Amino acid sequence: MATTTYGDISQRTAYHAAAVMLAHAEPVIVLGKFGQTKPVPKNTANKVKFRRPVPYAINTTPLVEGVTPVAHKISYEDVPVTLYQFGDLAELTDVIADTAEDPVLNDMSMLAGENAAETTETVCYGVIKAGTNKFYGASTDTARTDVNDAISVNRQHAVVRALRANRAKPVTRMLSGSLNYGTSPIEGGYIAFAHTDLEHDIRALSGFVSVAEYGSRTPLCPEELGSVQNVRYILSPLLVPYESAGGTPGSMKSTNGSAADVYPVIFIGMDAYGHVPLAGKDSITPSVINPSTLDKSDPLGQRGYVGWKTYYNAVVLNESWMAVMEVAVTAL
């Protein structure tokens, strides 16, 4: 079977396939739009280092007249991350390609884009929800197995207080949703990512403002639900809960009926995490082989394939600039 990157289609068609994938992938990406990004060029190592300068120590000692203070050097910290290759492959036959009334190849490219986006989003979610700066739905909870309370404004205040104390800056930029890699400026604020099941409880928070009431403020993305004071909530069905991992459910949602489902709500400041994003024409490598391609493994050209591959990983850059609040949600 031929395994060249673009199969038997032209460079132009292959680029179009990548564009279709990204155009369909972009709406389902949430975590991938934020955080510090570092795209990896071809023919480089599979390890990436995010670097940050170490802040200077505060000097409260007065200067002595005529005496030059002792100079110090700037230093940096490295946060390494190893990239992993992900991909998927779908098959079609010559009969489907020749006789189907649907645009099969286009639909397969569209689904491949969605699959690629959900793959990288899930990998990123797995990394950042494991952050060690933990909060729970009630101030008395000390572990996930205690959780049986919905999100509250007081607990949001506790998270924001901690972020501010740790000098976490409000998020002021996001990844541009286009084929051209880049960032776009946004109105500053902390961002909270959560599962769509939290919509009811977030809307019930005191001071909640929906995106429909924003006026001149522009929503960050279609998945933004609204804001509570200086926190903007973005929901995605991919940010799945720990099923039946909490305390006695009471009026909370439970998969098994005996323990509440626990939902991570991830609050971030600027540059809390980093990742290699799914954006730009070089980030996804499409692989398209038409059924008419002949080789020794398929002498009649009966099989074709549409696939994708990418290198990706995510990393927490500063634990104190993000927080994970684990909560339950009201059963409806």
C-alpha atoms as a PDB file:
ATOM      1  CA  MET A   1       0.000   0.000   0.000  1.00  0.00           C
ATOM      2  CA  ALA A   2       1.302   3.460  -0.898  1.00  0.00           C
ATOM      3  CA  THR A   3       1.990   5.485   2.230  1.00  0.00           C
ATOM      4  CA  THR A   4       3.279   8.785   0.918  1.00  0.00           C
ATOM      5  CA  THR A   5       1.911  11.785   2.779  1.00  0.00           C
ATOM      6  CA  TYR A   6      -0.448  13.025   0.099  1.00  0.00           C
ATOM      7  CA  GLY A   7      -1.183   9.734  -1.672  1.00  0.00           C
ATOM      8  CA  ASP A   8      -2.010  10.274  -5.340  1.00  0.00           C
ATOM      9  CA  ILE A   9      -3.603  13.710  -4.997  1.00  0.00           C
ATOM     10  CA  SER A  10      -1.959  16.983  -5.865  1.00  0.00           C
ATOM     11  CA  GLN A  11      -0.350  19.381  -3.402  1.00  0.00           C
ATOM     12  CA  ARG A  12      -3.274  21.766  -3.916  1.00  0.00           C
ATOM     13  CA  THR A  13      -5.837  19.072  -3.102  1.00  0.00           C
ATOM     14  CA  ALA A  14      -3.906  17.970  -0.060  1.00  0.00           C
ATOM     15  CA  TYR A  15      -3.751  21.546   1.217  1.00  0.00           C
ATOM     16  CA  HIS A  16      -7.499  21.818   0.661  1.00  0.00           C
ATOM     17  CA  ALA A  17      -7.979  18.652   2.684  1.00  0.00           C
ATOM     18  CA  ALA A  18      -5.997  20.194   5.538  1.00  0.00           C
ATOM     19  CA  ALA A  19      -8.087  23.367   5.298  1.00  0.00           C
ATOM     20  CA  VAL A  20     -11.301  21.350   5.495  1.00  0.00           C
ATOM     21  CA  MET A  21      -9.998  19.497   8.534  1.00  0.00           C
ATOM     22  CA  LEU A  22      -9.064  22.692  10.362  1.00  0.00           C
ATOM     23  CA  ALA A  23     -12.231  24.525   9.397  1.00  0.00           C
ATOM     24  CA  HIS A  24     -14.272  21.743  10.938  1.00  0.00           C
ATOM     25  CA  ALA A  25     -11.962  21.276  13.911  1.00  0.00           C
ATOM     26  CA  GLU A  26     -11.841  24.900  15.046  1.00  0.00           C
ATOM     27  CA  PRO A  27     -15.350  25.151  16.569  1.00  0.00           C
ATOM     28  CA  VAL A  28     -14.785  22.233  18.981  1.00  0.00           C
ATOM     29  CA  ILE A  29     -11.425  23.463  20.295  1.00  0.00           C
ATOM     30  CA  VAL A  30     -11.655  25.236  23.665  1.00  0.00           C
ATOM     31  CA  LEU A  31      -8.506  24.547  25.678  1.00  0.00           C
ATOM     32  CA  GLY A  32      -6.411  24.733  22.541  1.00  0.00           C
ATOM     33  CA  LYS A  33      -7.255  28.427  22.085  1.00  0.00           C
ATOM     34  CA  PHE A  34      -5.603  29.512  25.307  1.00  0.00           C
ATOM     35  CA  GLY A  35      -2.321  28.950  27.106  1.00  0.00           C
ATOM     36  CA  GLN A  36       1.198  29.538  25.852  1.00  0.00           C
ATOM     37  CA  THR A  37       1.743  28.018  22.429  1.00  0.00           C
ATOM     38  CA  LYS A  38       4.905  26.678  20.812  1.00  0.00           C
ATOM     39  CA  PRO A  39       4.396  25.145  17.359  1.00  0.00           C
ATOM     40  CA  VAL A  40       7.067  22.639  16.403  1.00  0.00           C
ATOM     41  CA  PRO A  41       8.691  22.929  12.961  1.00  0.00           C
ATOM     42  CA  LYS A  42       9.575  19.854  10.959  1.00  0.00           C
ATOM     43  CA  ASN A  43      12.904  18.091  11.319  1.00  0.00           C
ATOM     44  CA  THR A  44      13.407  19.078  14.946  1.00  0.00           C
ATOM     45  CA  ALA A  45      13.588  17.048  18.152  1.00  0.00           C
ATOM     46  CA  ASN A  46      10.461  15.662  19.815  1.00  0.00           C
ATOM     47  CA  LYS A  47      11.190  17.548  23.028  1.00  0.00           C
ATOM     48  CA  VAL A  48      10.226  21.175  23.561  1.00  0.00           C
ATOM     49  CA  LYS A  49      11.277  23.547  26.323  1.00  0.00           C
ATOM     50  CA  PHE A  50       9.095  26.357  27.537  1.00  0.00           C
ATOM     51  CA  ARG A  51      11.286  28.967  29.237  1.00  0.00           C
ATOM     52  CA  ARG A  52      10.351  31.566  31.808  1.00  0.00           C
ATOM     53  CA  PRO A  53      12.500  34.191  33.562  1.00  0.00           C
ATOM     54  CA  VAL A  54      12.847  33.846  37.320  1.00  0.00           C
ATOM     55  CA  PRO A  55      11.535  37.044  38.987  1.00  0.00           C
ATOM     56  CA  TYR A  56      14.053  39.204  40.818  1.00  0.00           C
ATOM     57  CA  ALA A  57      13.989  39.069  44.609  1.00  0.00           C
ATOM     58  CA  ILE A  58      12.469  42.160  46.211  1.00  0.00           C
ATOM     59  CA  ASN A  59      15.218  44.377  47.605  1.00  0.00           C
ATOM     60  CA  THR A  60      14.182  46.426  50.640  1.00  0.00           C
ATOM     61  CA  THR A  61      17.717  47.460  51.638  1.00  0.00           C
ATOM     62  CA  PRO A  62      18.377  51.178  51.038  1.00  0.00           C
ATOM     63  CA  LEU A  63      21.274  52.127  48.810  1.00  0.00           C
ATOM     64  CA  VAL A  64      24.411  53.462  50.480  1.00  0.00           C
ATOM     65  CA  GLU A  65      25.545  56.829  49.231  1.00  0.00           C
ATOM     66  CA  GLY A  66      28.313  56.473  46.696  1.00  0.00           C
ATOM     67  CA  VAL A  67      28.292  52.653  46.821  1.00  0.00           C
ATOM     68  CA  THR A  68      27.292  50.674  43.730  1.00  0.00           C
ATOM     69  CA  PRO A  69      24.938  47.819  44.646  1.00  0.00           C
ATOM     70  CA  VAL A  70      26.028  44.260  43.886  1.00  0.00           C
ATOM     71  CA  ALA A  71      24.763  43.276  40.440  1.00  0.00           C
ATOM     72  CA  HIS A  72      22.969  40.015  39.827  1.00  0.00           C
ATOM     73  CA  LYS A  73      22.182  38.033  36.699  1.00  0.00           C
ATOM     74  CA  ILE A  74      18.911  37.136  35.085  1.00  0.00           C
ATOM     75  CA  SER A  75      18.099  33.428  35.178  1.00  0.00           C
ATOM     76  CA  TYR A  76      15.568  31.215  33.469  1.00  0.00           C
ATOM     77  CA  GLU A  77      13.654  28.062  34.305  1.00  0.00           C
ATOM     78  CA  ASP A  78      13.036  25.373  31.694  1.00  0.00           C
ATOM     79  CA  VAL A  79       9.766  23.448  31.583  1.00  0.00           C
ATOM     80  CA  PRO A  80      10.305  20.502  29.210  1.00  0.00           C
ATOM     81  CA  VAL A  81       7.593  18.597  27.389  1.00  0.00           C
ATOM     82  CA  THR A  82       7.897  15.537  25.159  1.00  0.00           C
ATOM     83  CA  LEU A  83       5.759  15.437  22.032  1.00  0.00           C
ATOM     84  CA  TYR A  84       3.785  12.345  21.081  1.00  0.00           C
ATOM     85  CA  GLN A  85       2.437  11.448  17.682  1.00  0.00           C
ATOM     86  CA  PHE A  86      -1.301  10.959  17.297  1.00  0.00           C
ATOM     87  CA  GLY A  87      -3.320  10.003  14.266  1.00  0.00           C
ATOM     88  CA  ASP A  88      -6.231   8.091  12.808  1.00  0.00           C
ATOM     89  CA  LEU A  89      -7.119   6.363   9.556  1.00  0.00           C
ATOM     90  CA  ALA A  90     -10.429   5.662   7.806  1.00  0.00           C
ATOM     91  CA  GLU A  91     -10.955   3.426   4.785  1.00  0.00           C
ATOM     92  CA  LEU A  92     -13.271   3.670   1.784  1.00  0.00           C
ATOM     93  CA  THR A  93     -13.747   1.403  -1.207  1.00  0.00           C
ATOM     94  CA  ASP A  94     -13.796   2.162  -4.903  1.00  0.00           C
ATOM     95  CA  VAL A  95     -17.488   1.232  -4.998  1.00  0.00           C
ATOM     96  CA  ILE A  96     -18.309   3.918  -2.440  1.00  0.00           C
ATOM     97  CA  ALA A  97     -16.179   6.487  -4.219  1.00  0.00           C
ATOM     98  CA  ASP A  98     -17.720   5.662  -7.614  1.00  0.00           C
ATOM     99  CA  THR A  99     -21.382   5.278  -6.701  1.00  0.00           C
ATOM    100  CA  ALA A 100     -22.218   7.110  -3.470  1.00  0.00           C
ATOM    101  CA  GLU A 101     -24.356  10.223  -3.882  1.00  0.00           C
ATOM    102  CA  ASP A 102     -22.756  11.846  -0.815  1.00  0.00           C
ATOM    103  CA  PRO A 103     -19.441  13.745  -1.008  1.00  0.00           C
ATOM    104  CA  VAL A 104     -17.679  10.933   0.829  1.00  0.00           C
ATOM    105  CA  LEU A 105     -14.110  12.221   0.585  1.00  0.00           C
ATOM    106  CA  ASN A 106     -15.117  15.683   1.802  1.00  0.00           C
ATOM    107  CA  ASP A 107     -17.130  14.229   4.687  1.00  0.00           C
ATOM    108  CA  MET A 108     -14.250  11.955   5.688  1.00  0.00           C
ATOM    109  CA  SER A 109     -11.915  14.965   5.757  1.00  0.00           C
ATOM    110  CA  MET A 110     -14.427  16.850   7.890  1.00  0.00           C
ATOM    111  CA  LEU A 111     -14.737  13.977  10.356  1.00  0.00           C
ATOM    112  CA  ALA A 112     -10.960  13.565  10.444  1.00  0.00           C
ATOM    113  CA  GLY A 113     -10.647  17.208  11.463  1.00  0.00           C
ATOM    114  CA  GLU A 114     -13.160  16.757  14.249  1.00  0.00           C
ATOM    115  CA  ASN A 115     -11.384  13.622  15.395  1.00  0.00           C
ATOM    116  CA  ALA A 116      -8.011  15.385  15.433  1.00  0.00           C
ATOM    117  CA  ALA A 117      -9.405  18.314  17.436  1.00  0.00           C
ATOM    118  CA  GLU A 118     -11.095  16.100  20.010  1.00  0.00           C
ATOM    119  CA  THR A 119      -7.945  14.006  20.366  1.00  0.00           C
ATOM    120  CA  THR A 120      -5.663  16.939  21.153  1.00  0.00           C
ATOM    121  CA  GLU A 121      -8.300  18.628  23.310  1.00  0.00           C
ATOM    122  CA  THR A 122      -8.701  15.479  25.389  1.00  0.00           C
ATOM    123  CA  VAL A 123      -4.936  15.115  25.808  1.00  0.00           C
ATOM    124  CA  CYS A 124      -4.684  18.742  26.961  1.00  0.00           C
ATOM    125  CA  TYR A 125      -7.601  18.289  29.357  1.00  0.00           C
ATOM    126  CA  GLY A 126      -5.967  15.236  30.895  1.00  0.00           C
ATOM    127  CA  VAL A 127      -2.793  17.229  31.589  1.00  0.00           C
ATOM    128  CA  ILE A 128      -4.270  20.387  33.077  1.00  0.00           C
ATOM    129  CA  LYS A 129      -7.050  18.801  35.140  1.00  0.00           C
ATOM    130  CA  ALA A 130      -4.271  16.982  37.028  1.00  0.00           C
ATOM    131  CA  GLY A 131      -3.000  20.327  38.335  1.00  0.00           C
ATOM    132  CA  THR A 132      -2.041  20.291  42.012  1.00  0.00           C
ATOM    133  CA  ASN A 133      -3.626  23.633  43.033  1.00  0.00           C
ATOM    134  CA  LYS A 134      -6.922  22.050  44.119  1.00  0.00           C
ATOM    135  CA  PHE A 135     -10.187  23.444  45.442  1.00  0.00           C
ATOM    136  CA  TYR A 136     -13.443  21.648  46.128  1.00  0.00           C
ATOM    137  CA  GLY A 137     -17.124  22.518  46.004  1.00  0.00           C
ATOM    138  CA  ALA A 138     -17.225  23.170  49.770  1.00  0.00           C
ATOM    139  CA  SER A 139     -14.511  24.684  51.940  1.00  0.00           C
ATOM    140  CA  THR A 140     -14.830  21.716  54.304  1.00  0.00           C
ATOM    141  CA  ASP A 141     -14.056  19.163  51.579  1.00  0.00           C
ATOM    142  CA  THR A 142     -10.524  17.809  51.589  1.00  0.00           C
ATOM    143  CA  ALA A 143     -10.676  15.177  48.845  1.00  0.00           C
ATOM    144  CA  ARG A 144     -12.580  14.261  45.692  1.00  0.00           C
ATOM    145  CA  THR A 145     -14.523  11.623  47.616  1.00  0.00           C
ATOM    146  CA  ASP A 146     -16.088  14.408  49.743  1.00  0.00           C
ATOM    147  CA  VAL A 147     -17.490  16.392  46.809  1.00  0.00           C
ATOM    148  CA  ASN A 148     -21.280  16.736  46.681  1.00  0.00           C
ATOM    149  CA  ASP A 149     -21.752  20.511  46.359  1.00  0.00           C
ATOM    150  CA  ALA A 150     -22.425  22.641  43.289  1.00  0.00           C
ATOM    151  CA  ILE A 151     -20.192  25.521  42.297  1.00  0.00           C
ATOM    152  CA  SER A 152     -20.714  28.709  44.322  1.00  0.00           C
ATOM    153  CA  VAL A 153     -19.679  32.351  44.127  1.00  0.00           C
ATOM    154  CA  ASN A 154     -17.805  32.046  47.433  1.00  0.00           C
ATOM    155  CA  ARG A 155     -15.687  29.203  46.090  1.00  0.00           C
ATOM    156  CA  GLN A 156     -15.011  31.196  42.927  1.00  0.00           C
ATOM    157  CA  HIS A 157     -13.873  34.054  45.175  1.00  0.00           C
ATOM    158  CA  ALA A 158     -11.514  31.673  46.966  1.00  0.00           C
ATOM    159  CA  VAL A 159      -9.954  30.601  43.671  1.00  0.00           C
ATOM    160  CA  VAL A 160      -9.575  34.151  42.350  1.00  0.00           C
ATOM    161  CA  ARG A 161      -8.075  35.269  45.662  1.00  0.00           C
ATOM    162  CA  ALA A 162      -5.462  32.524  45.403  1.00  0.00           C
ATOM    163  CA  LEU A 163      -4.675  33.335  41.765  1.00  0.00           C
ATOM    164  CA  ARG A 164      -4.210  37.003  42.568  1.00  0.00           C
ATOM    165  CA  ALA A 165      -2.055  36.239  45.597  1.00  0.00           C
ATOM    166  CA  ASN A 166       0.173  34.150  43.326  1.00  0.00           C
ATOM    167  CA  ARG A 167       0.382  37.006  40.794  1.00  0.00           C
ATOM    168  CA  ALA A 168      -1.523  35.194  38.079  1.00  0.00           C
ATOM    169  CA  LYS A 169      -2.228  37.736  35.364  1.00  0.00           C
ATOM    170  CA  PRO A 170      -5.635  37.945  33.663  1.00  0.00           C
ATOM    171  CA  VAL A 171      -5.749  36.265  30.253  1.00  0.00           C
ATOM    172  CA  THR A 172      -5.435  38.894  27.521  1.00  0.00           C
ATOM    173  CA  ARG A 173      -4.807  36.842  24.376  1.00  0.00           C
ATOM    174  CA  MET A 174      -6.035  33.691  22.690  1.00  0.00           C
ATOM    175  CA  LEU A 175      -5.061  31.619  19.661  1.00  0.00           C
ATOM    176  CA  SER A 176      -6.505  32.978  16.454  1.00  0.00           C
ATOM    177  CA  GLY A 177      -9.063  30.650  14.884  1.00  0.00           C
ATOM    178  CA  SER A 178      -7.590  30.564  11.406  1.00  0.00           C
ATOM    179  CA  LEU A 179      -5.094  28.694   9.267  1.00  0.00           C
ATOM    180  CA  ASN A 180      -2.561  31.429   9.933  1.00  0.00           C
ATOM    181  CA  TYR A 181      -0.897  30.786  13.270  1.00  0.00           C
ATOM    182  CA  GLY A 182      -1.122  33.764  15.594  1.00  0.00           C
ATOM    183  CA  THR A 183      -2.885  35.247  18.600  1.00  0.00           C
ATOM    184  CA  SER A 184      -5.672  37.765  19.037  1.00  0.00           C
ATOM    185  CA  PRO A 185      -6.026  40.259  21.914  1.00  0.00           C
ATOM    186  CA  ILE A 186      -9.015  39.813  24.246  1.00  0.00           C
ATOM    187  CA  GLU A 187     -10.481  41.685  27.196  1.00  0.00           C
ATOM    188  CA  GLY A 188      -8.562  40.712  30.318  1.00  0.00           C
ATOM    189  CA  GLY A 189     -10.043  38.316  32.874  1.00  0.00           C
ATOM    190  CA  TYR A 190      -9.638  34.890  34.385  1.00  0.00           C
ATOM    191  CA  ILE A 191     -11.124  32.012  32.407  1.00  0.00           C
ATOM    192  CA  ALA A 192     -12.866  28.929  33.737  1.00  0.00           C
ATOM    193  CA  PHE A 193     -13.346  25.809  31.609  1.00  0.00           C
ATOM    194  CA  ALA A 194     -16.049  23.314  32.547  1.00  0.00           C
ATOM    195  CA  HIS A 195     -18.344  20.619  31.189  1.00  0.00           C
ATOM    196  CA  THR A 196     -21.641  21.641  29.620  1.00  0.00           C
ATOM    197  CA  ASP A 197     -23.484  19.908  32.490  1.00  0.00           C
ATOM    198  CA  LEU A 198     -22.547  22.894  34.696  1.00  0.00           C
ATOM    199  CA  GLU A 199     -24.605  25.352  32.672  1.00  0.00           C
ATOM    200  CA  HIS A 200     -27.605  25.269  35.027  1.00  0.00           C
ATOM    201  CA  ASP A 201     -25.531  25.838  38.164  1.00  0.00           C
ATOM    202  CA  ILE A 202     -23.370  28.570  36.612  1.00  0.00           C
ATOM    203  CA  ARG A 203     -26.432  30.462  35.368  1.00  0.00           C
ATOM    204  CA  ALA A 204     -27.807  30.319  38.915  1.00  0.00           C
ATOM    205  CA  LEU A 205     -24.749  32.060  40.390  1.00  0.00           C
ATOM    206  CA  SER A 206     -25.357  35.531  41.804  1.00  0.00           C
ATOM    207  CA  GLY A 207     -24.083  38.165  39.378  1.00  0.00           C
ATOM    208  CA  PHE A 208     -24.057  35.871  36.331  1.00  0.00           C
ATOM    209  CA  VAL A 209     -24.110  37.778  33.033  1.00  0.00           C
ATOM    210  CA  SER A 210     -24.849  35.803  29.873  1.00  0.00           C
ATOM    211  CA  VAL A 211     -23.100  36.533  26.580  1.00  0.00           C
ATOM    212  CA  ALA A 212     -26.418  37.874  25.262  1.00  0.00           C
ATOM    213  CA  GLU A 213     -26.127  40.679  27.837  1.00  0.00           C
ATOM    214  CA  TYR A 214     -22.501  41.557  27.087  1.00  0.00           C
ATOM    215  CA  GLY A 215     -23.318  44.612  25.013  1.00  0.00           C
ATOM    216  CA  SER A 216     -20.026  45.907  23.615  1.00  0.00           C
ATOM    217  CA  ARG A 217     -18.010  43.019  25.101  1.00  0.00           C
ATOM    218  CA  THR A 218     -17.171  40.356  22.526  1.00  0.00           C
ATOM    219  CA  PRO A 219     -17.542  36.654  23.468  1.00  0.00           C
ATOM    220  CA  LEU A 220     -14.244  34.792  23.375  1.00  0.00           C
ATOM    221  CA  CYS A 221     -15.684  31.897  21.382  1.00  0.00           C
ATOM    222  CA  PRO A 222     -19.060  30.286  20.603  1.00  0.00           C
ATOM    223  CA  GLU A 223     -18.685  28.041  23.666  1.00  0.00           C
ATOM    224  CA  GLU A 224     -18.548  30.961  26.131  1.00  0.00           C
ATOM    225  CA  LEU A 225     -21.596  30.845  28.406  1.00  0.00           C
ATOM    226  CA  GLY A 226     -21.144  34.123  30.285  1.00  0.00           C
ATOM    227  CA  SER A 227     -19.255  35.670  33.172  1.00  0.00           C
ATOM    228  CA  VAL A 228     -19.454  36.061  36.929  1.00  0.00           C
ATOM    229  CA  GLN A 229     -17.558  39.178  37.978  1.00  0.00           C
ATOM    230  CA  ASN A 230     -14.027  38.797  36.562  1.00  0.00           C
ATOM    231  CA  VAL A 231     -14.315  35.126  35.537  1.00  0.00           C
ATOM    232  CA  ARG A 232     -15.534  34.094  32.089  1.00  0.00           C
ATOM    233  CA  TYR A 233     -16.971  30.583  31.763  1.00  0.00           C
ATOM    234  CA  ILE A 234     -16.390  28.454  28.676  1.00  0.00           C
ATOM    235  CA  LEU A 235     -18.127  25.071  28.422  1.00  0.00           C
ATOM    236  CA  SER A 236     -17.338  21.970  26.391  1.00  0.00           C
ATOM    237  CA  PRO A 237     -18.819  18.451  26.384  1.00  0.00           C
ATOM    238  CA  LEU A 238     -15.278  17.066  26.084  1.00  0.00           C
ATOM    239  CA  LEU A 239     -14.382  18.102  29.657  1.00  0.00           C
ATOM    240  CA  VAL A 240     -15.867  14.943  31.121  1.00  0.00           C
ATOM    241  CA  PRO A 241     -16.389  14.281  34.864  1.00  0.00           C
ATOM    242  CA  TYR A 242     -15.077  11.626  37.194  1.00  0.00           C
ATOM    243  CA  GLU A 243     -18.174   9.466  37.311  1.00  0.00           C
ATOM    244  CA  SER A 244     -19.467   8.504  40.772  1.00  0.00           C
ATOM    245  CA  ALA A 245     -16.236   9.640  42.437  1.00  0.00           C
ATOM    246  CA  GLY A 246     -17.654  12.056  45.031  1.00  0.00           C
ATOM    247  CA  GLY A 247     -19.646  11.939  48.243  1.00  0.00           C
ATOM    248  CA  THR A 248     -23.258  10.992  48.900  1.00  0.00           C
ATOM    249  CA  PRO A 249     -25.127  12.499  45.924  1.00  0.00           C
ATOM    250  CA  GLY A 250     -28.266  13.860  47.567  1.00  0.00           C
ATOM    251  CA  SER A 251     -29.668  16.247  44.928  1.00  0.00           C
ATOM    252  CA  MET A 252     -26.521  16.038  42.788  1.00  0.00           C
ATOM    253  CA  LYS A 253     -26.080  14.135  39.522  1.00  0.00           C
ATOM    254  CA  SER A 254     -24.777  10.586  39.957  1.00  0.00           C
ATOM    255  CA  THR A 255     -23.994   7.909  37.404  1.00  0.00           C
ATOM    256  CA  ASN A 256     -24.318   4.959  39.777  1.00  0.00           C
ATOM    257  CA  GLY A 257     -26.772   6.538  42.241  1.00  0.00           C
ATOM    258  CA  SER A 258     -24.523   6.103  45.296  1.00  0.00           C
ATOM    259  CA  ALA A 259     -21.821   8.771  44.759  1.00  0.00           C
ATOM    260  CA  ALA A 260     -21.890  12.165  43.070  1.00  0.00           C
ATOM    261  CA  ASP A 261     -20.206  12.697  39.734  1.00  0.00           C
ATOM    262  CA  VAL A 262     -17.258  15.093  40.149  1.00  0.00           C
ATOM    263  CA  TYR A 263     -16.611  17.784  37.558  1.00  0.00           C
ATOM    264  CA  PRO A 264     -13.272  19.624  37.280  1.00  0.00           C
ATOM    265  CA  VAL A 265     -13.633  23.372  36.715  1.00  0.00           C
ATOM    266  CA  ILE A 266     -10.277  24.698  35.505  1.00  0.00           C
ATOM    267  CA  PHE A 267      -9.496  28.350  36.259  1.00  0.00           C
ATOM    268  CA  ILE A 268      -6.523  29.855  34.462  1.00  0.00           C
ATOM    269  CA  GLY A 269      -4.471  33.013  34.380  1.00  0.00           C
ATOM    270  CA  MET A 270      -2.135  34.034  31.566  1.00  0.00           C
ATOM    271  CA  ASP A 271       0.432  31.390  30.547  1.00  0.00           C
ATOM    272  CA  ALA A 272      -0.740  28.863  33.147  1.00  0.00           C
ATOM    273  CA  TYR A 273      -0.222  26.008  30.703  1.00  0.00           C
ATOM    274  CA  GLY A 274       1.455  25.456  27.385  1.00  0.00           C
ATOM    275  CA  HIS A 275       0.826  23.237  24.403  1.00  0.00           C
ATOM    276  CA  VAL A 276       1.590  22.513  20.781  1.00  0.00           C
ATOM    277  CA  PRO A 277      -1.636  23.692  19.191  1.00  0.00           C
ATOM    278  CA  LEU A 278      -3.854  22.320  16.472  1.00  0.00           C
ATOM    279  CA  ALA A 279      -3.650  25.428  14.295  1.00  0.00           C
ATOM    280  CA  GLY A 280      -1.898  26.358  11.093  1.00  0.00           C
ATOM    281  CA  LYS A 281      -1.373  24.408   7.900  1.00  0.00           C
ATOM    282  CA  ASP A 282       1.674  22.535   9.229  1.00  0.00           C
ATOM    283  CA  SER A 283       0.056  21.186  12.381  1.00  0.00           C
ATOM    284  CA  ILE A 284      -2.026  18.451  10.770  1.00  0.00           C
ATOM    285  CA  THR A 285      -0.564  16.236   8.095  1.00  0.00           C
ATOM    286  CA  PRO A 286      -3.418  14.841   5.997  1.00  0.00           C
ATOM    287  CA  SER A 287      -3.023  11.525   4.245  1.00  0.00           C
ATOM    288  CA  VAL A 288      -5.350  10.835   1.312  1.00  0.00           C
ATOM    289  CA  ILE A 289      -5.070   7.784  -0.932  1.00  0.00           C
ATOM    290  CA  ASN A 290      -7.758   7.440  -3.580  1.00  0.00           C
ATOM    291  CA  PRO A 291      -9.176   3.953  -4.243  1.00  0.00           C
ATOM    292  CA  SER A 292      -7.837   4.128  -7.785  1.00  0.00           C
ATOM    293  CA  THR A 293      -4.231   3.992  -6.548  1.00  0.00           C
ATOM    294  CA  LEU A 294      -2.638   0.721  -7.706  1.00  0.00           C
ATOM    295  CA  ASP A 295       0.158  -1.121  -5.945  1.00  0.00           C
ATOM    296  CA  LYS A 296       1.133  -4.694  -5.066  1.00  0.00           C
ATOM    297  CA  SER A 297      -1.048  -4.759  -1.931  1.00  0.00           C
ATOM    298  CA  ASP A 298      -4.093  -3.451  -3.844  1.00  0.00           C
ATOM    299  CA  PRO A 299      -3.568  -4.328  -7.524  1.00  0.00           C
ATOM    300  CA  LEU A 300      -7.136  -3.403  -8.524  1.00  0.00           C
ATOM    301  CA  GLY A 301      -7.239  -0.124  -6.630  1.00  0.00           C
ATOM    302  CA  GLN A 302     -10.222  -1.162  -4.527  1.00  0.00           C
ATOM    303  CA  ARG A 303      -9.316   0.594  -1.280  1.00  0.00           C
ATOM    304  CA  GLY A 304      -8.688   4.176  -0.337  1.00  0.00           C
ATOM    305  CA  TYR A 305      -7.869   5.940   2.926  1.00  0.00           C
ATOM    306  CA  VAL A 306      -8.243   9.306   4.599  1.00  0.00           C
ATOM    307  CA  GLY A 307      -6.215   9.943   7.717  1.00  0.00           C
ATOM    308  CA  TRP A 308      -4.336  12.499   9.746  1.00  0.00           C
ATOM    309  CA  LYS A 309      -1.402  12.701  12.094  1.00  0.00           C
ATOM    310  CA  THR A 310       0.047  15.351  14.348  1.00  0.00           C
ATOM    311  CA  TYR A 311       2.557  15.806  17.126  1.00  0.00           C
ATOM    312  CA  TYR A 312       1.081  17.154  20.330  1.00  0.00           C
ATOM    313  CA  ASN A 313       1.343  17.429  24.076  1.00  0.00           C
ATOM    314  CA  ALA A 314       0.469  19.907  26.807  1.00  0.00           C
ATOM    315  CA  VAL A 315       2.203  20.905  30.035  1.00  0.00           C
ATOM    316  CA  VAL A 316       1.359  22.906  33.160  1.00  0.00           C
ATOM    317  CA  LEU A 317       3.788  25.831  33.198  1.00  0.00           C
ATOM    318  CA  ASN A 318       2.883  27.330  36.550  1.00  0.00           C
ATOM    319  CA  GLU A 319       0.716  25.428  39.033  1.00  0.00           C
ATOM    320  CA  SER A 320      -0.028  28.569  41.053  1.00  0.00           C
ATOM    321  CA  TRP A 321      -1.395  30.418  38.019  1.00  0.00           C
ATOM    322  CA  MET A 322      -4.181  27.906  37.535  1.00  0.00           C
ATOM    323  CA  ALA A 323      -6.564  26.111  39.855  1.00  0.00           C
ATOM    324  CA  VAL A 324      -8.810  23.069  39.564  1.00  0.00           C
ATOM    325  CA  MET A 325     -12.072  23.236  41.486  1.00  0.00           C
ATOM    326  CA  GLU A 326     -13.875  19.906  41.713  1.00  0.00           C
ATOM    327  CA  VAL A 327     -17.637  20.217  42.105  1.00  0.00           C
ATOM    328  CA  ALA A 328     -20.857  18.299  41.684  1.00  0.00           C
ATOM    329  CA  VAL A 329     -23.781  19.413  39.516  1.00  0.00           C
ATOM    330  CA  THR A 330     -27.452  19.626  40.318  1.00  0.00           C
ATOM    331  CA  ALA A 331     -29.527  16.676  39.101  1.00  0.00           C
ATOM    332  CA  LEU A 332     -32.283  17.922  36.792  1.00  0.00           C
END
